[in-house]
Amino acid sequence: MHGSSPAAWTAVTLCLIGFTVGGIALVIGPSWSMFTVGVVLTLLSGVAAKVMSAAGYGSKATH
């Protein structure tokens, strides 16, 4: 099934953590360094998904 893979779960988890860190940074401060960490984590989630998918941890569904 589409999206039910370790690569997808890792990407979603990293993206949610990054979004949460960035949101908290804006509410408590704003703390721009913490916001930057959140943005970087969010952007790295896509890279992590591509790398894990290329390593064989993506879905095996055929289209």
N, C-alpha and C. Protein backbone atom coordinates (compact mmCIF):
# COMPACT_ATOMS: atom_id res chain seq x y z
N MET A 1 0.84 -1.18 0.00
CA MET A 1 0.00 0.00 0.00
C MET A 1 0.89 1.24 0.00
N HIS A 2 0.46 2.26 -0.70
CA HIS A 2 1.23 3.49 -0.85
C HIS A 2 1.40 4.18 0.50
N GLY A 3 2.63 4.51 0.85
CA GLY A 3 2.92 5.26 2.06
C GLY A 3 3.14 4.41 3.29
N SER A 4 2.88 3.12 3.23
CA SER A 4 3.08 2.27 4.39
C SER A 4 4.46 1.64 4.33
N SER A 5 5.48 2.47 4.50
CA SER A 5 6.85 1.99 4.44
C SER A 5 7.67 2.72 5.50
N PRO A 6 8.78 2.13 5.89
CA PRO A 6 9.65 2.82 6.84
C PRO A 6 10.11 4.19 6.34
N ALA A 7 10.34 4.31 5.04
CA ALA A 7 10.77 5.60 4.49
C ALA A 7 9.67 6.66 4.67
N ALA A 8 8.44 6.29 4.40
CA ALA A 8 7.33 7.24 4.54
C ALA A 8 7.10 7.62 6.00
N TRP A 9 7.13 6.64 6.88
CA TRP A 9 6.93 6.92 8.30
C TRP A 9 8.05 7.80 8.85
N THR A 10 9.27 7.56 8.44
CA THR A 10 10.39 8.39 8.89
C THR A 10 10.23 9.82 8.39
N ALA A 11 9.85 9.97 7.14
CA ALA A 11 9.67 11.31 6.58
C ALA A 11 8.57 12.07 7.30
N VAL A 12 7.46 11.42 7.54
CA VAL A 12 6.34 12.08 8.23
C VAL A 12 6.73 12.45 9.65
N THR A 13 7.41 11.56 10.35
CA THR A 13 7.82 11.83 11.72
C THR A 13 8.79 13.01 11.78
N LEU A 14 9.80 13.01 10.91
CA LEU A 14 10.75 14.12 10.88
C LEU A 14 10.07 15.44 10.52
N CYS A 15 9.16 15.39 9.58
CA CYS A 15 8.44 16.59 9.18
C CYS A 15 7.59 17.15 10.32
N LEU A 16 6.90 16.26 11.02
CA LEU A 16 6.08 16.72 12.16
C LEU A 16 6.95 17.30 13.28
N ILE A 17 8.08 16.67 13.55
CA ILE A 17 8.98 17.19 14.58
C ILE A 17 9.50 18.57 14.16
N GLY A 18 9.93 18.69 12.91
CA GLY A 18 10.43 19.97 12.43
C GLY A 18 9.38 21.06 12.47
N PHE A 19 8.17 20.73 12.05
CA PHE A 19 7.08 21.70 12.06
C PHE A 19 6.75 22.12 13.49
N THR A 20 6.76 21.17 14.41
CA THR A 20 6.48 21.48 15.82
C THR A 20 7.56 22.36 16.42
N VAL A 21 8.82 22.02 16.17
CA VAL A 21 9.93 22.83 16.69
C VAL A 21 9.85 24.25 16.14
N GLY A 22 9.60 24.38 14.84
CA GLY A 22 9.48 25.70 14.25
C GLY A 22 8.31 26.50 14.81
N GLY A 23 7.19 25.84 15.00
CA GLY A 23 6.02 26.51 15.57
C GLY A 23 6.25 26.97 17.00
N ILE A 24 6.85 26.10 17.81
CA ILE A 24 7.16 26.47 19.19
C ILE A 24 8.14 27.64 19.22
N ALA A 25 9.11 27.62 18.32
CA ALA A 25 10.10 28.70 18.27
C ALA A 25 9.44 30.04 17.99
N LEU A 26 8.43 30.07 17.17
CA LEU A 26 7.76 31.33 16.87
C LEU A 26 6.87 31.79 18.02
N VAL A 27 6.31 30.85 18.75
CA VAL A 27 5.41 31.20 19.84
C VAL A 27 6.17 31.71 21.06
N ILE A 28 7.30 31.10 21.39
CA ILE A 28 8.00 31.46 22.63
C ILE A 28 8.93 32.64 22.48
N GLY A 29 9.15 33.13 21.29
CA GLY A 29 10.23 34.10 21.17
C GLY A 29 9.91 35.38 20.47
N PRO A 30 10.11 35.46 19.26
CA PRO A 30 10.54 34.40 18.36
C PRO A 30 12.03 34.07 18.51
N SER A 31 12.32 32.80 18.46
CA SER A 31 13.69 32.31 18.52
C SER A 31 14.06 31.85 17.11
N TRP A 32 14.79 32.70 16.39
CA TRP A 32 15.05 32.43 14.98
C TRP A 32 16.00 31.26 14.77
N SER A 33 16.91 31.03 15.71
CA SER A 33 17.81 29.88 15.56
C SER A 33 17.03 28.58 15.72
N MET A 34 16.11 28.54 16.68
CA MET A 34 15.29 27.34 16.86
C MET A 34 14.34 27.15 15.68
N PHE A 35 13.83 28.25 15.15
CA PHE A 35 12.97 28.18 13.97
C PHE A 35 13.75 27.60 12.78
N THR A 36 14.99 28.02 12.63
CA THR A 36 15.82 27.52 11.54
C THR A 36 16.05 26.01 11.69
N VAL A 37 16.26 25.55 12.90
CA VAL A 37 16.42 24.11 13.14
C VAL A 37 15.15 23.38 12.70
N GLY A 38 13.99 23.92 13.02
CA GLY A 38 12.73 23.31 12.61
C GLY A 38 12.57 23.25 11.11
N VAL A 39 12.95 24.33 10.43
CA VAL A 39 12.86 24.37 8.97
C VAL A 39 13.80 23.34 8.35
N VAL A 40 15.02 23.26 8.87
CA VAL A 40 15.99 22.31 8.34
C VAL A 40 15.50 20.87 8.54
N LEU A 41 14.96 20.57 9.72
CA LEU A 41 14.41 19.23 9.95
C LEU A 41 13.28 18.91 8.98
N THR A 42 12.42 19.88 8.75
CA THR A 42 11.31 19.68 7.83
C THR A 42 11.82 19.41 6.41
N LEU A 43 12.80 20.16 5.98
CA LEU A 43 13.34 19.96 4.63
C LEU A 43 14.12 18.65 4.52
N LEU A 44 14.81 18.27 5.59
CA LEU A 44 15.57 17.02 5.58
C LEU A 44 14.67 15.79 5.56
N SER A 45 13.42 15.95 5.94
CA SER A 45 12.52 14.80 5.93
C SER A 45 12.33 14.27 4.51
N GLY A 46 12.26 15.16 3.53
CA GLY A 46 12.14 14.72 2.15
C GLY A 46 13.40 14.03 1.65
N VAL A 47 14.55 14.55 2.05
CA VAL A 47 15.82 13.93 1.67
C VAL A 47 15.94 12.55 2.30
N ALA A 48 15.57 12.44 3.58
CA ALA A 48 15.63 11.15 4.27
C ALA A 48 14.72 10.13 3.59
N ALA A 49 13.55 10.55 3.17
CA ALA A 49 12.62 9.64 2.49
C ALA A 49 13.21 9.14 1.17
N LYS A 50 13.81 10.03 0.40
CA LYS A 50 14.41 9.63 -0.87
C LYS A 50 15.57 8.67 -0.65
N VAL A 51 16.42 8.97 0.33
CA VAL A 51 17.57 8.11 0.60
C VAL A 51 17.12 6.74 1.08
N MET A 52 16.16 6.72 2.01
CA MET A 52 15.67 5.43 2.52
C MET A 52 14.96 4.64 1.43
N SER A 53 14.22 5.33 0.57
CA SER A 53 13.53 4.65 -0.52
C SER A 53 14.54 4.04 -1.50
N ALA A 54 15.61 4.78 -1.79
CA ALA A 54 16.65 4.26 -2.67
C ALA A 54 17.39 3.08 -2.05
N ALA A 55 17.44 3.06 -0.71
CA ALA A 55 18.12 1.98 -0.01
C ALA A 55 17.23 0.74 0.14
N GLY A 56 16.00 0.83 -0.35
CA GLY A 56 15.12 -0.33 -0.32
C GLY A 56 14.08 -0.32 0.78
N TYR A 57 13.94 0.79 1.47
CA TYR A 57 12.95 0.88 2.54
C TYR A 57 11.66 1.57 2.12
N GLY A 58 11.50 1.81 0.84
CA GLY A 58 10.28 2.42 0.33
C GLY A 58 9.22 1.38 0.06
N SER A 59 8.06 1.82 -0.40
CA SER A 59 6.97 0.88 -0.69
C SER A 59 7.30 0.09 -1.94
N LYS A 60 6.79 -1.11 -1.99
CA LYS A 60 7.03 -2.01 -3.12
C LYS A 60 5.88 -2.00 -4.13
N ALA A 61 4.97 -1.05 -3.98
CA ALA A 61 3.81 -0.99 -4.87
C ALA A 61 4.22 -0.66 -6.30
N THR A 62 3.55 -1.28 -7.24
CA THR A 62 3.81 -0.99 -8.65
C THR A 62 2.62 -0.22 -9.20
N HIS A 63 2.89 0.66 -10.11
CA HIS A 63 1.83 1.49 -10.69
C HIS A 63 1.57 1.10 -12.10
